[in-house]
Each structure stands twice: as structure tokens, then as C-alpha cells.
């Protein structure tokens, strides 16, 4: 299975990196005394990373762009930059990748990666 590429610095993403965690459906149990208890009915929390890469050189930009183009509809492994744990089933959310070339060593990319159940 393909793995998301690392930058020349060894990093996966750049600061500021964003991760969101969702816990699936919430179930509510209502008791006779009028109180209630809520709990997550999902199997495990799922993460979503917003990846913004700036000041990439041409090699890094080509590597990331090729990876995104080749894995638009497939799944891949993504190493969580916060915990270091590999998420083994991830996909790109949405078909779009923003890519801006502002100079020789100033290329930018942005996209969203989500963990699948």
C-alpha cells in the first residue's frame, strides 16, 4: 500500500498542522428519572488532517503532486505527525488539491486527508 511521502527535512507536514477527531454517531439513553447518558456508537475515533505545505522546492512539490494525483481514489498509509502512529487506511477528501507556484523555492500545496473506518 502506498505511503504518504516525507519532505526533505523528514517531516510529514509543516506548522501549523491541523488534525480533527470525530467519534461517529452519538447514542442517547434516557432514564426514568429524566436524566440521560450519551456515548459514542462508533468503533474508534477517526482523524482528519488538513495538510498545508509551503516553500517546497520543485522536487518536493513534484513528489507530493504525483502522490496526490496517483492516489485520488485509492487508500494509503499516512503517518500521523502528532502521534507518530501510522493510520493504515486513509484517503484524500475531495478531488481538489490547491497548488500555487509563487517562485522557484516557494511552491505551496493544500489538501485534506481523512482516516477511513
PDB file of N, CA and C in Angstrom:
ATOM      1  N   UNK A   1       0.849  -1.164   0.000  1.00  0.00           N
ATOM      2  CA  UNK A   1       0.000   0.000   0.000  1.00  0.00           C
ATOM      3  C   UNK A   1       0.905   1.241   0.000  1.00  0.00           C
ATOM      4  N   UNK A   2       0.571   2.258  -0.799  1.00  0.00           N
ATOM      5  CA  UNK A   2       1.413   3.458  -0.848  1.00  0.00           C
ATOM      6  C   UNK A   2       1.427   4.213   0.485  1.00  0.00           C
ATOM      7  N   UNK A   3       2.530   4.882   0.736  1.00  0.00           N
ATOM      8  CA  UNK A   3       2.688   5.683   1.951  1.00  0.00           C
ATOM      9  C   UNK A   3       2.904   7.137   1.562  1.00  0.00           C
ATOM     10  N   UNK A   4       2.267   8.051   2.293  1.00  0.00           N
ATOM     11  CA  UNK A   4       2.404   9.475   2.012  1.00  0.00           C
ATOM     12  C   UNK A   4       3.878   9.869   2.130  1.00  0.00           C
ATOM     13  N   UNK A   5       4.403  10.648   1.182  1.00  0.00           N
ATOM     14  CA  UNK A   5       5.841  10.972   1.182  1.00  0.00           C
ATOM     15  C   UNK A   5       6.225  11.948   2.288  1.00  0.00           C
ATOM     16  N   UNK A   6       7.493  11.888   2.664  1.00  0.00           N
ATOM     17  CA  UNK A   6       8.032  12.847   3.632  1.00  0.00           C
ATOM     18  C   UNK A   6       8.801  13.935   2.880  1.00  0.00           C
ATOM     19  N   UNK A   7       8.940  15.072   3.525  1.00  0.00           N
ATOM     20  CA  UNK A   7       9.684  16.193   2.943  1.00  0.00           C
ATOM     21  C   UNK A   7      11.181  15.967   3.129  1.00  0.00           C
ATOM     22  N   UNK A   8      11.998  16.793   2.534  1.00  0.00           N
ATOM     23  CA  UNK A   8      13.458  16.598   2.625  1.00  0.00           C
ATOM     24  C   UNK A   8      13.952  16.752   4.060  1.00  0.00           C
ATOM     25  N   UNK A   9      13.178  17.429   4.903  1.00  0.00           N
ATOM     26  CA  UNK A   9      13.534  17.592   6.318  1.00  0.00           C
ATOM     27  C   UNK A   9      13.163  16.377   7.145  1.00  0.00           C
ATOM     28  N   UNK A  10      12.421  15.437   6.550  1.00  0.00           N
ATOM     29  CA  UNK A  10      11.955  14.263   7.277  1.00  0.00           C
ATOM     30  C   UNK A  10      10.571  14.449   7.870  1.00  0.00           C
ATOM     31  N   UNK A  11      10.024  15.647   7.741  1.00  0.00           N
ATOM     32  CA  UNK A  11       8.690  15.935   8.291  1.00  0.00           C
ATOM     33  C   UNK A  11       7.606  15.455   7.329  1.00  0.00           C
ATOM     34  N   UNK A  12       6.426  15.196   7.877  1.00  0.00           N
ATOM     35  CA  UNK A  12       5.271  14.813   7.073  1.00  0.00           C
ATOM     36  C   UNK A  12       4.494  16.064   6.660  1.00  0.00           C
ATOM     37  N   UNK A  13       4.273  16.960   7.611  1.00  0.00           N
ATOM     38  CA  UNK A  13       3.557  18.212   7.362  1.00  0.00           C
ATOM     39  C   UNK A  13       4.376  19.362   7.927  1.00  0.00           C
ATOM     40  N   UNK A  14       3.876  20.558   7.720  1.00  0.00           N
ATOM     41  CA  UNK A  14       4.541  21.741   8.249  1.00  0.00           C
ATOM     42  C   UNK A  14       3.624  22.447   9.241  1.00  0.00           C
ATOM     43  N   UNK A  15       4.217  23.268  10.104  1.00  0.00           N
ATOM     44  CA  UNK A  15       3.449  24.063  11.045  1.00  0.00           C
ATOM     45  C   UNK A  15       2.744  25.183  10.295  1.00  0.00           C
ATOM     46  N   UNK A  16       1.535  25.549  10.559  1.00  0.00           N
ATOM     47  CA  UNK A  16       0.619  24.968  11.532  1.00  0.00           C
ATOM     48  C   UNK A  16      -0.138  23.796  10.935  1.00  0.00           C
ATOM     49  N   UNK A  17      -0.015  22.656  11.534  1.00  0.00           N
ATOM     50  CA  UNK A  17      -0.743  21.468  11.088  1.00  0.00           C
ATOM     51  C   UNK A  17      -2.031  21.358  11.905  1.00  0.00           C
ATOM     52  N   UNK A  18      -3.069  20.835  11.285  1.00  0.00           N
ATOM     53  CA  UNK A  18      -4.361  20.725  11.948  1.00  0.00           C
ATOM     54  C   UNK A  18      -4.852  19.293  11.864  1.00  0.00           C
ATOM     55  N   UNK A  19      -5.349  18.779  12.973  1.00  0.00           N
ATOM     56  CA  UNK A  19      -5.976  17.457  12.991  1.00  0.00           C
ATOM     57  C   UNK A  19      -7.323  17.594  13.706  1.00  0.00           C
ATOM     58  N   UNK A  20      -8.335  16.927  13.140  1.00  0.00           N
ATOM     59  CA  UNK A  20      -9.659  16.894  13.756  1.00  0.00           C
ATOM     60  C   UNK A  20      -9.978  15.437  14.043  1.00  0.00           C
ATOM     61  N   UNK A  21     -10.652  15.189  15.156  1.00  0.00           N
ATOM     62  CA  UNK A  21     -11.043  13.835  15.517  1.00  0.00           C
ATOM     63  C   UNK A  21     -12.556  13.771  15.628  1.00  0.00           C
ATOM     64  N   UNK A  22     -13.161  12.775  14.980  1.00  0.00           N
ATOM     65  CA  UNK A  22     -14.607  12.586  15.088  1.00  0.00           C
ATOM     66  C   UNK A  22     -14.872  11.217  15.701  1.00  0.00           C
ATOM     67  N   UNK A  23     -15.943  11.146  16.452  1.00  0.00           N
ATOM     68  CA  UNK A  23     -16.248   9.931  17.195  1.00  0.00           C
ATOM     69  C   UNK A  23     -17.483   9.210  16.676  1.00  0.00           C
ATOM     70  N   UNK A  24     -17.911   9.502  15.459  1.00  0.00           N
ATOM     71  CA  UNK A  24     -19.041   8.793  14.873  1.00  0.00           C
ATOM     72  C   UNK A  24     -20.364   9.210  15.483  1.00  0.00           C
ATOM     73  N   UNK A  25     -21.329   8.337  15.401  1.00  0.00           N
ATOM     74  CA  UNK A  25     -22.674   8.620  15.901  1.00  0.00           C
ATOM     75  C   UNK A  25     -22.706   8.626  17.423  1.00  0.00           C
ATOM     76  N   UNK A  26     -23.526   9.483  17.981  1.00  0.00           N
ATOM     77  CA  UNK A  26     -23.717   9.532  19.420  1.00  0.00           C
ATOM     78  C   UNK A  26     -25.082   8.940  19.756  1.00  0.00           C
ATOM     79  N   UNK A  27     -25.109   8.024  20.692  1.00  0.00           N
ATOM     80  CA  UNK A  27     -26.352   7.411  21.156  1.00  0.00           C
ATOM     81  C   UNK A  27     -26.727   8.045  22.492  1.00  0.00           C
ATOM     82  N   UNK A  28     -28.030   8.166  22.717  1.00  0.00           N
ATOM     83  CA  UNK A  28     -28.536   8.749  23.954  1.00  0.00           C
ATOM     84  C   UNK A  28     -29.453   7.734  24.627  1.00  0.00           C
ATOM     85  N   UNK A  29     -29.196   7.482  25.905  1.00  0.00           N
ATOM     86  CA  UNK A  29     -30.062   6.625  26.712  1.00  0.00           C
ATOM     87  C   UNK A  29     -30.744   7.526  27.728  1.00  0.00           C
ATOM     88  N   UNK A  30     -32.067   7.512  27.711  1.00  0.00           N
ATOM     89  CA  UNK A  30     -32.826   8.322  28.666  1.00  0.00           C
ATOM     90  C   UNK A  30     -33.367   7.414  29.760  1.00  0.00           C
ATOM     91  N   UNK A  31     -33.160   7.840  31.008  1.00  0.00           N
ATOM     92  CA  UNK A  31     -33.574   7.050  32.161  1.00  0.00           C
ATOM     93  C   UNK A  31     -34.928   7.536  32.674  1.00  0.00           C
ATOM     94  N   UNK A  32     -35.564   6.719  33.525  1.00  0.00           N
ATOM     95  CA  UNK A  32     -36.892   7.033  34.050  1.00  0.00           C
ATOM     96  C   UNK A  32     -36.906   8.312  34.885  1.00  0.00           C
ATOM     97  N   UNK A  33     -35.791   8.630  35.527  1.00  0.00           N
ATOM     98  CA  UNK A  33     -35.749   9.841  36.354  1.00  0.00           C
ATOM     99  C   UNK A  33     -35.546  11.113  35.531  1.00  0.00           C
ATOM    100  N   UNK A  34     -35.493  11.001  34.208  1.00  0.00           N
ATOM    101  CA  UNK A  34     -35.350  12.160  33.333  1.00  0.00           C
ATOM    102  C   UNK A  34     -33.909  12.470  32.945  1.00  0.00           C
ATOM    103  N   UNK A  35     -32.958  11.824  33.573  1.00  0.00           N
ATOM    104  CA  UNK A  35     -31.560  12.053  33.208  1.00  0.00           C
ATOM    105  C   UNK A  35     -31.234  11.254  31.949  1.00  0.00           C
ATOM    106  N   UNK A  36     -30.101  11.566  31.364  1.00  0.00           N
ATOM    107  CA  UNK A  36     -29.700  10.865  30.154  1.00  0.00           C
ATOM    108  C   UNK A  36     -28.189  10.649  30.151  1.00  0.00           C
ATOM    109  N   UNK A  37     -27.782   9.711  29.353  1.00  0.00           N
ATOM    110  CA  UNK A  37     -26.367   9.427  29.192  1.00  0.00           C
ATOM    111  C   UNK A  37     -26.075   9.321  27.707  1.00  0.00           C
ATOM    112  N   UNK A  38     -24.992   9.935  27.272  1.00  0.00           N
ATOM    113  CA  UNK A  38     -24.603   9.915  25.873  1.00  0.00           C
ATOM    114  C   UNK A  38     -23.289   9.158  25.730  1.00  0.00           C
ATOM    115  N   UNK A  39     -23.189   8.399  24.630  1.00  0.00           N
ATOM    116  CA  UNK A  39     -21.951   7.665  24.368  1.00  0.00           C
ATOM    117  C   UNK A  39     -21.758   7.539  22.871  1.00  0.00           C
ATOM    118  N   UNK A  40     -20.520   7.341  22.491  1.00  0.00           N
ATOM    119  CA  UNK A  40     -20.177   7.197  21.079  1.00  0.00           C
ATOM    120  C   UNK A  40     -20.479   5.785  20.620  1.00  0.00           C
ATOM    121  N   UNK A  41     -21.177   5.683  19.492  1.00  0.00           N
ATOM    122  CA  UNK A  41     -21.508   4.365  18.945  1.00  0.00           C
ATOM    123  C   UNK A  41     -20.500   3.940  17.873  1.00  0.00           C
ATOM    124  N   UNK A  42     -19.539   4.790  17.588  1.00  0.00           N
ATOM    125  CA  UNK A  42     -18.530   4.461  16.584  1.00  0.00           C
ATOM    126  C   UNK A  42     -17.528   3.458  17.111  1.00  0.00           C
ATOM    127  N   UNK A  43     -16.934   2.704  16.213  1.00  0.00           N
ATOM    128  CA  UNK A  43     -15.964   1.683  16.615  1.00  0.00           C
ATOM    129  C   UNK A  43     -14.685   2.316  17.185  1.00  0.00           C
ATOM    130  N   UNK A  44     -14.216   3.371  16.561  1.00  0.00           N
ATOM    131  CA  UNK A  44     -12.998   4.053  17.005  1.00  0.00           C
ATOM    132  C   UNK A  44     -13.031   5.480  16.469  1.00  0.00           C
ATOM    133  N   UNK A  45     -12.368   6.396  17.154  1.00  0.00           N
ATOM    134  CA  UNK A  45     -12.339   7.758  16.629  1.00  0.00           C
ATOM    135  C   UNK A  45     -11.592   7.822  15.296  1.00  0.00           C
ATOM    136  N   UNK A  46     -12.075   8.640  14.390  1.00  0.00           N
ATOM    137  CA  UNK A  46     -11.436   8.815  13.090  1.00  0.00           C
ATOM    138  C   UNK A  46     -10.825  10.207  13.019  1.00  0.00           C
ATOM    139  N   UNK A  47      -9.664  10.303  12.397  1.00  0.00           N
ATOM    140  CA  UNK A  47      -8.952  11.578  12.312  1.00  0.00           C
ATOM    141  C   UNK A  47      -9.005  12.144  10.906  1.00  0.00           C
ATOM    142  N   UNK A  48      -8.848  13.451  10.851  1.00  0.00           N
ATOM    143  CA  UNK A  48      -8.793  14.167   9.574  1.00  0.00           C
ATOM    144  C   UNK A  48      -7.684  15.207   9.693  1.00  0.00           C
ATOM    145  N   UNK A  49      -6.766  15.217   8.734  1.00  0.00           N
ATOM    146  CA  UNK A  49      -5.639  16.141   8.753  1.00  0.00           C
ATOM    147  C   UNK A  49      -5.791  17.152   7.628  1.00  0.00           C
ATOM    148  N   UNK A  50      -5.595  18.413   7.945  1.00  0.00           N
ATOM    149  CA  UNK A  50      -5.546  19.463   6.930  1.00  0.00           C
ATOM    150  C   UNK A  50      -4.062  19.734   6.690  1.00  0.00           C
ATOM    151  N   UNK A  51      -3.595  19.376   5.506  1.00  0.00           N
ATOM    152  CA  UNK A  51      -2.169  19.458   5.191  1.00  0.00           C
ATOM    153  C   UNK A  51      -1.920  20.712   4.362  1.00  0.00           C
ATOM    154  N   UNK A  52      -1.076  21.589   4.880  1.00  0.00           N
ATOM    155  CA  UNK A  52      -0.646  22.789   4.160  1.00  0.00           C
ATOM    156  C   UNK A  52       0.873  22.737   4.066  1.00  0.00           C
ATOM    157  N   UNK A  53       1.362  22.754   2.865  1.00  0.00           N
ATOM    158  CA  UNK A  53       2.812  22.705   2.642  1.00  0.00           C
ATOM    159  C   UNK A  53       3.236  23.969   1.924  1.00  0.00           C
ATOM    160  N   UNK A  54       4.233  24.669   2.466  1.00  0.00           N
ATOM    161  CA  UNK A  54       4.717  25.921   1.881  1.00  0.00           C
ATOM    162  C   UNK A  54       6.220  25.851   1.680  1.00  0.00           C
ATOM    163  N   UNK A  55       6.702  26.688   0.781  1.00  0.00           N
ATOM    164  CA  UNK A  55       8.128  26.795   0.481  1.00  0.00           C
ATOM    165  C   UNK A  55       8.746  25.465   0.079  1.00  0.00           C
ATOM    166  N   UNK A  56       8.011  24.732  -0.733  1.00  0.00           N
ATOM    167  CA  UNK A  56       8.530  23.470  -1.251  1.00  0.00           C
ATOM    168  C   UNK A  56       9.446  23.743  -2.436  1.00  0.00           C
ATOM    169  N   UNK A  57      10.495  22.937  -2.577  1.00  0.00           N
ATOM    170  CA  UNK A  57      11.297  23.050  -3.783  1.00  0.00           C
ATOM    171  C   UNK A  57      10.618  22.228  -4.881  1.00  0.00           C
ATOM    172  N   UNK A  58      11.140  22.282  -6.073  1.00  0.00           N
ATOM    173  CA  UNK A  58      10.498  21.633  -7.217  1.00  0.00           C
ATOM    174  C   UNK A  58      10.402  20.114  -7.033  1.00  0.00           C
ATOM    175  N   UNK A  59      11.424  19.497  -6.441  1.00  0.00           N
ATOM    176  CA  UNK A  59      11.410  18.050  -6.228  1.00  0.00           C
ATOM    177  C   UNK A  59      10.318  17.645  -5.244  1.00  0.00           C
ATOM    178  N   UNK A  60      10.234  18.353  -4.115  1.00  0.00           N
ATOM    179  CA  UNK A  60       9.208  18.050  -3.118  1.00  0.00           C
ATOM    180  C   UNK A  60       7.808  18.265  -3.691  1.00  0.00           C
ATOM    181  N   UNK A  61       7.627  19.373  -4.400  1.00  0.00           N
ATOM    182  CA  UNK A  61       6.319  19.660  -4.985  1.00  0.00           C
ATOM    183  C   UNK A  61       5.924  18.579  -5.987  1.00  0.00           C
ATOM    184  N   UNK A  62       6.871  18.144  -6.813  1.00  0.00           N
ATOM    185  CA  UNK A  62       6.585  17.097  -7.795  1.00  0.00           C
ATOM    186  C   UNK A  62       6.247  15.782  -7.099  1.00  0.00           C
ATOM    187  N   UNK A  63       6.949  15.459  -6.009  1.00  0.00           N
ATOM    188  CA  UNK A  63       6.708  14.228  -5.262  1.00  0.00           C
ATOM    189  C   UNK A  63       5.307  14.222  -4.644  1.00  0.00           C
ATOM    190  N   UNK A  64       4.935  15.318  -3.989  1.00  0.00           N
ATOM    191  CA  UNK A  64       3.617  15.415  -3.347  1.00  0.00           C
ATOM    192  C   UNK A  64       2.513  15.445  -4.395  1.00  0.00           C
ATOM    193  N   UNK A  65       2.699  16.231  -5.452  1.00  0.00           N
ATOM    194  CA  UNK A  65       1.687  16.334  -6.506  1.00  0.00           C
ATOM    195  C   UNK A  65       1.462  14.983  -7.179  1.00  0.00           C
ATOM    196  N   UNK A  66       2.531  14.262  -7.480  1.00  0.00           N
ATOM    197  CA  UNK A  66       2.398  12.937  -8.105  1.00  0.00           C
ATOM    198  C   UNK A  66       1.686  11.971  -7.167  1.00  0.00           C
ATOM    199  N   UNK A  67       2.012  12.028  -5.882  1.00  0.00           N
ATOM    200  CA  UNK A  67       1.353  11.147  -4.924  1.00  0.00           C
ATOM    201  C   UNK A  67      -0.148  11.421  -4.876  1.00  0.00           C
ATOM    202  N   UNK A  68      -0.517  12.697  -4.806  1.00  0.00           N
ATOM    203  CA  UNK A  68      -1.934  13.057  -4.746  1.00  0.00           C
ATOM    204  C   UNK A  68      -2.654  12.623  -6.018  1.00  0.00           C
ATOM    205  N   UNK A  69      -2.055  12.886  -7.177  1.00  0.00           N
ATOM    206  CA  UNK A  69      -2.694  12.505  -8.443  1.00  0.00           C
ATOM    207  C   UNK A  69      -2.858  10.994  -8.570  1.00  0.00           C
ATOM    208  N   UNK A  70      -1.880  10.229  -8.103  1.00  0.00           N
ATOM    209  CA  UNK A  70      -1.938   8.765  -8.221  1.00  0.00           C
ATOM    210  C   UNK A  70      -2.849   8.115  -7.183  1.00  0.00           C
ATOM    211  N   UNK A  71      -3.204   8.844  -6.124  1.00  0.00           N
ATOM    212  CA  UNK A  71      -3.997   8.259  -5.046  1.00  0.00           C
ATOM    213  C   UNK A  71      -5.301   9.001  -4.797  1.00  0.00           C
ATOM    214  N   UNK A  72      -5.836   9.665  -5.817  1.00  0.00           N
ATOM    215  CA  UNK A  72      -7.079  10.419  -5.659  1.00  0.00           C
ATOM    216  C   UNK A  72      -8.224   9.508  -5.223  1.00  0.00           C
ATOM    217  N   UNK A  73      -8.290   8.318  -5.769  1.00  0.00           N
ATOM    218  CA  UNK A  73      -9.411   7.436  -5.461  1.00  0.00           C
ATOM    219  C   UNK A  73      -9.017   6.221  -4.631  1.00  0.00           C
ATOM    220  N   UNK A  74      -7.763   6.076  -4.294  1.00  0.00           N
ATOM    221  CA  UNK A  74      -7.326   4.905  -3.546  1.00  0.00           C
ATOM    222  C   UNK A  74      -7.060   5.221  -2.086  1.00  0.00           C
ATOM    223  N   UNK A  75      -6.629   4.211  -1.364  1.00  0.00           N
ATOM    224  CA  UNK A  75      -6.262   4.392   0.037  1.00  0.00           C
ATOM    225  C   UNK A  75      -4.748   4.284   0.178  1.00  0.00           C
ATOM    226  N   UNK A  76      -4.237   4.826   1.274  1.00  0.00           N
ATOM    227  CA  UNK A  76      -2.805   4.831   1.513  1.00  0.00           C
ATOM    228  C   UNK A  76      -2.532   4.925   3.003  1.00  0.00           C
ATOM    229  N   UNK A  77      -1.270   4.779   3.376  1.00  0.00           N
ATOM    230  CA  UNK A  77      -0.833   4.893   4.762  1.00  0.00           C
ATOM    231  C   UNK A  77      -0.378   6.328   5.006  1.00  0.00           C
ATOM    232  N   UNK A  78      -0.824   6.903   6.127  1.00  0.00           N
ATOM    233  CA  UNK A  78      -0.405   8.256   6.500  1.00  0.00           C
ATOM    234  C   UNK A  78       0.120   8.207   7.929  1.00  0.00           C
ATOM    235  N   UNK A  79       1.345   8.674   8.128  1.00  0.00           N
ATOM    236  CA  UNK A  79       1.946   8.722   9.458  1.00  0.00           C
ATOM    237  C   UNK A  79       1.483   9.997  10.159  1.00  0.00           C
ATOM    238  N   UNK A  80       0.726   9.827  11.241  1.00  0.00           N
ATOM    239  CA  UNK A  80       0.211  10.973  11.989  1.00  0.00           C
ATOM    240  C   UNK A  80       1.378  11.791  12.523  1.00  0.00           C
ATOM    241  N   UNK A  81       1.500  13.070  12.116  1.00  0.00           N
ATOM    242  CA  UNK A  81       2.635  13.875  12.564  1.00  0.00           C
ATOM    243  C   UNK A  81       2.569  14.226  14.048  1.00  0.00           C
ATOM    244  N   UNK A  82       1.409  14.060  14.680  1.00  0.00           N
ATOM    245  CA  UNK A  82       1.266  14.387  16.098  1.00  0.00           C
ATOM    246  C   UNK A  82       1.641  13.217  17.002  1.00  0.00           C
ATOM    247  N   UNK A  83       1.205  12.011  16.646  1.00  0.00           N
ATOM    248  CA  UNK A  83       1.460  10.849  17.499  1.00  0.00           C
ATOM    249  C   UNK A  83       2.567   9.947  16.956  1.00  0.00           C
ATOM    250  N   UNK A  84       2.852  10.037  15.653  1.00  0.00           N
ATOM    251  CA  UNK A  84       3.837   9.164  15.045  1.00  0.00           C
ATOM    252  C   UNK A  84       3.285   7.793  14.689  1.00  0.00           C
ATOM    253  N   UNK A  85       1.994   7.574  14.963  1.00  0.00           N
ATOM    254  CA  UNK A  85       1.360   6.290  14.668  1.00  0.00           C
ATOM    255  C   UNK A  85       0.836   6.304  13.236  1.00  0.00           C
ATOM    256  N   UNK A  86       1.019   5.208  12.532  1.00  0.00           N
ATOM    257  CA  UNK A  86       0.566   5.113  11.148  1.00  0.00           C
ATOM    258  C   UNK A  86      -0.924   4.808  11.088  1.00  0.00           C
ATOM    259  N   UNK A  87      -1.645   5.613  10.320  1.00  0.00           N
ATOM    260  CA  UNK A  87      -3.046   5.343  10.016  1.00  0.00           C
ATOM    261  C   UNK A  87      -3.026   4.549   8.717  1.00  0.00           C
ATOM    262  N   UNK A  88      -3.444   3.300   8.771  1.00  0.00           N
ATOM    263  CA  UNK A  88      -3.246   2.386   7.644  1.00  0.00           C
ATOM    264  C   UNK A  88      -4.286   2.490   6.544  1.00  0.00           C
ATOM    265  N   UNK A  89      -5.383   3.179   6.776  1.00  0.00           N
ATOM    266  CA  UNK A  89      -6.408   3.295   5.739  1.00  0.00           C
ATOM    267  C   UNK A  89      -6.876   4.747   5.657  1.00  0.00           C
ATOM    268  N   UNK A  90      -6.222   5.504   4.799  1.00  0.00           N
ATOM    269  CA  UNK A  90      -6.538   6.913   4.627  1.00  0.00           C
ATOM    270  C   UNK A  90      -6.866   7.206   3.171  1.00  0.00           C
ATOM    271  N   UNK A  91      -7.565   8.307   2.962  1.00  0.00           N
ATOM    272  CA  UNK A  91      -7.911   8.722   1.604  1.00  0.00           C
ATOM    273  C   UNK A  91      -7.909  10.239   1.545  1.00  0.00           C
ATOM    274  N   UNK A  92      -7.777  10.747   0.340  1.00  0.00           N
ATOM    275  CA  UNK A  92      -7.870  12.184   0.130  1.00  0.00           C
ATOM    276  C   UNK A  92      -9.344  12.561   0.135  1.00  0.00           C
ATOM    277  N   UNK A  93      -9.665  13.618   0.843  1.00  0.00           N
ATOM    278  CA  UNK A  93     -11.053  14.063   0.906  1.00  0.00           C
ATOM    279  C   UNK A  93     -11.278  15.083  -0.194  1.00  0.00           C
ATOM    280  N   UNK A  94     -12.199  14.775  -1.061  1.00  0.00           N
ATOM    281  CA  UNK A  94     -12.482  15.686  -2.163  1.00  0.00           C
ATOM    282  C   UNK A  94     -11.462  15.525  -3.268  1.00  0.00           C
ATOM    283  N   UNK A  95     -11.823  15.890  -4.466  1.00  0.00           N
ATOM    284  CA  UNK A  95     -10.933  15.701  -5.604  1.00  0.00           C
ATOM    285  C   UNK A  95      -9.946  16.841  -5.806  1.00  0.00           C
ATOM    286  N   UNK A  96      -9.982  17.842  -4.952  1.00  0.00           N
ATOM    287  CA  UNK A  96      -9.180  19.038  -5.212  1.00  0.00           C
ATOM    288  C   UNK A  96      -7.916  19.104  -4.377  1.00  0.00           C
ATOM    289  N   UNK A  97      -6.890  19.586  -5.009  1.00  0.00           N
ATOM    290  CA  UNK A  97      -5.636  19.914  -4.340  1.00  0.00           C
ATOM    291  C   UNK A  97      -5.262  21.309  -4.788  1.00  0.00           C
ATOM    292  N   UNK A  98      -5.059  22.195  -3.847  1.00  0.00           N
ATOM    293  CA  UNK A  98      -4.634  23.551  -4.209  1.00  0.00           C
ATOM    294  C   UNK A  98      -3.124  23.536  -4.355  1.00  0.00           C
ATOM    295  N   UNK A  99      -2.650  24.082  -5.460  1.00  0.00           N
ATOM    296  CA  UNK A  99      -1.216  24.111  -5.722  1.00  0.00           C
ATOM    297  C   UNK A  99      -0.875  25.470  -6.320  1.00  0.00           C
ATOM    298  N   UNK A 100       0.007  26.210  -5.641  1.00  0.00           N
ATOM    299  CA  UNK A 100       0.386  27.553  -6.076  1.00  0.00           C
ATOM    300  C   UNK A 100       1.899  27.605  -6.257  1.00  0.00           C
ATOM    301  N   UNK A 101       2.336  28.114  -7.394  1.00  0.00           N
ATOM    302  CA  UNK A 101       3.766  28.313  -7.621  1.00  0.00           C
ATOM    303  C   UNK A 101       4.030  29.817  -7.577  1.00  0.00           C
ATOM    304  N   UNK A 102       4.693  30.246  -6.484  1.00  0.00           N
ATOM    305  CA  UNK A 102       4.953  31.670  -6.294  1.00  0.00           C
ATOM    306  C   UNK A 102       6.411  32.029  -6.569  1.00  0.00           C
ATOM    307  N   UNK A 103       7.234  31.061  -6.869  1.00  0.00           N
ATOM    308  CA  UNK A 103       8.646  31.301  -7.147  1.00  0.00           C
ATOM    309  C   UNK A 103       9.396  29.985  -7.190  1.00  0.00           C
ATOM    310  N   UNK A 104      10.703  30.075  -7.385  1.00  0.00           N
ATOM    311  CA  UNK A 104      11.494  28.858  -7.546  1.00  0.00           C
ATOM    312  C   UNK A 104      11.452  27.954  -6.323  1.00  0.00           C
ATOM    313  N   UNK A 105      11.640  28.515  -5.140  1.00  0.00           N
ATOM    314  CA  UNK A 105      11.579  27.731  -3.905  1.00  0.00           C
ATOM    315  C   UNK A 105      10.379  28.141  -3.065  1.00  0.00           C
ATOM    316  N   UNK A 106       9.294  28.494  -3.705  1.00  0.00           N
ATOM    317  CA  UNK A 106       8.124  28.963  -2.977  1.00  0.00           C
ATOM    318  C   UNK A 106       6.860  28.362  -3.575  1.00  0.00           C
ATOM    319  N   UNK A 107       6.768  27.046  -3.567  1.00  0.00           N
ATOM    320  CA  UNK A 107       5.585  26.364  -4.067  1.00  0.00           C
ATOM    321  C   UNK A 107       4.755  25.896  -2.878  1.00  0.00           C
ATOM    322  N   UNK A 108       3.442  26.015  -2.995  1.00  0.00           N
ATOM    323  CA  UNK A 108       2.542  25.698  -1.894  1.00  0.00           C
ATOM    324  C   UNK A 108       1.496  24.688  -2.340  1.00  0.00           C
ATOM    325  N   UNK A 109       1.105  23.818  -1.418  1.00  0.00           N
ATOM    326  CA  UNK A 109       0.052  22.846  -1.679  1.00  0.00           C
ATOM    327  C   UNK A 109      -0.824  22.743  -0.440  1.00  0.00           C
ATOM    328  N   UNK A 110      -2.112  22.427  -0.649  1.00  0.00           N
ATOM    329  CA  UNK A 110      -3.044  22.230   0.457  1.00  0.00           C
ATOM    330  C   UNK A 110      -4.077  21.190   0.061  1.00  0.00           C
ATOM    331  N   UNK A 111      -4.366  20.268   0.979  1.00  0.00           N
ATOM    332  CA  UNK A 111      -5.367  19.237   0.757  1.00  0.00           C
ATOM    333  C   UNK A 111      -5.750  18.626   2.095  1.00  0.00           C
ATOM    334  N   UNK A 112      -6.782  17.773   2.081  1.00  0.00           N
ATOM    335  CA  UNK A 112      -7.291  17.160   3.302  1.00  0.00           C
ATOM    336  C   UNK A 112      -7.162  15.640   3.184  1.00  0.00           C
ATOM    337  N   UNK A 113      -6.644  15.020   4.252  1.00  0.00           N
ATOM    338  CA  UNK A 113      -6.532  13.571   4.327  1.00  0.00           C
ATOM    339  C   UNK A 113      -7.439  13.107   5.454  1.00  0.00           C
ATOM    340  N   UNK A 114      -8.242  12.062   5.206  1.00  0.00           N
ATOM    341  CA  UNK A 114      -9.102  11.542   6.258  1.00  0.00           C
ATOM    342  C   UNK A 114      -8.879  10.053   6.453  1.00  0.00           C
ATOM    343  N   UNK A 115      -8.987   9.646   7.697  1.00  0.00           N
ATOM    344  CA  UNK A 115      -8.866   8.238   8.060  1.00  0.00           C
ATOM    345  C   UNK A 115     -10.218   7.566   7.816  1.00  0.00           C
ATOM    346  N   UNK A 116     -10.187   6.392   7.219  1.00  0.00           N
ATOM    347  CA  UNK A 116     -11.409   5.649   6.924  1.00  0.00           C
ATOM    348  C   UNK A 116     -11.630   4.556   7.955  1.00  0.00           C
ATOM    349  N   UNK A 117     -12.898   4.211   8.235  1.00  0.00           N
ATOM    350  CA  UNK A 117     -13.164   3.148   9.220  1.00  0.00           C
ATOM    351  C   UNK A 117     -12.719   1.776   8.727  1.00  0.00           C
TER     352      UNK A 117
END
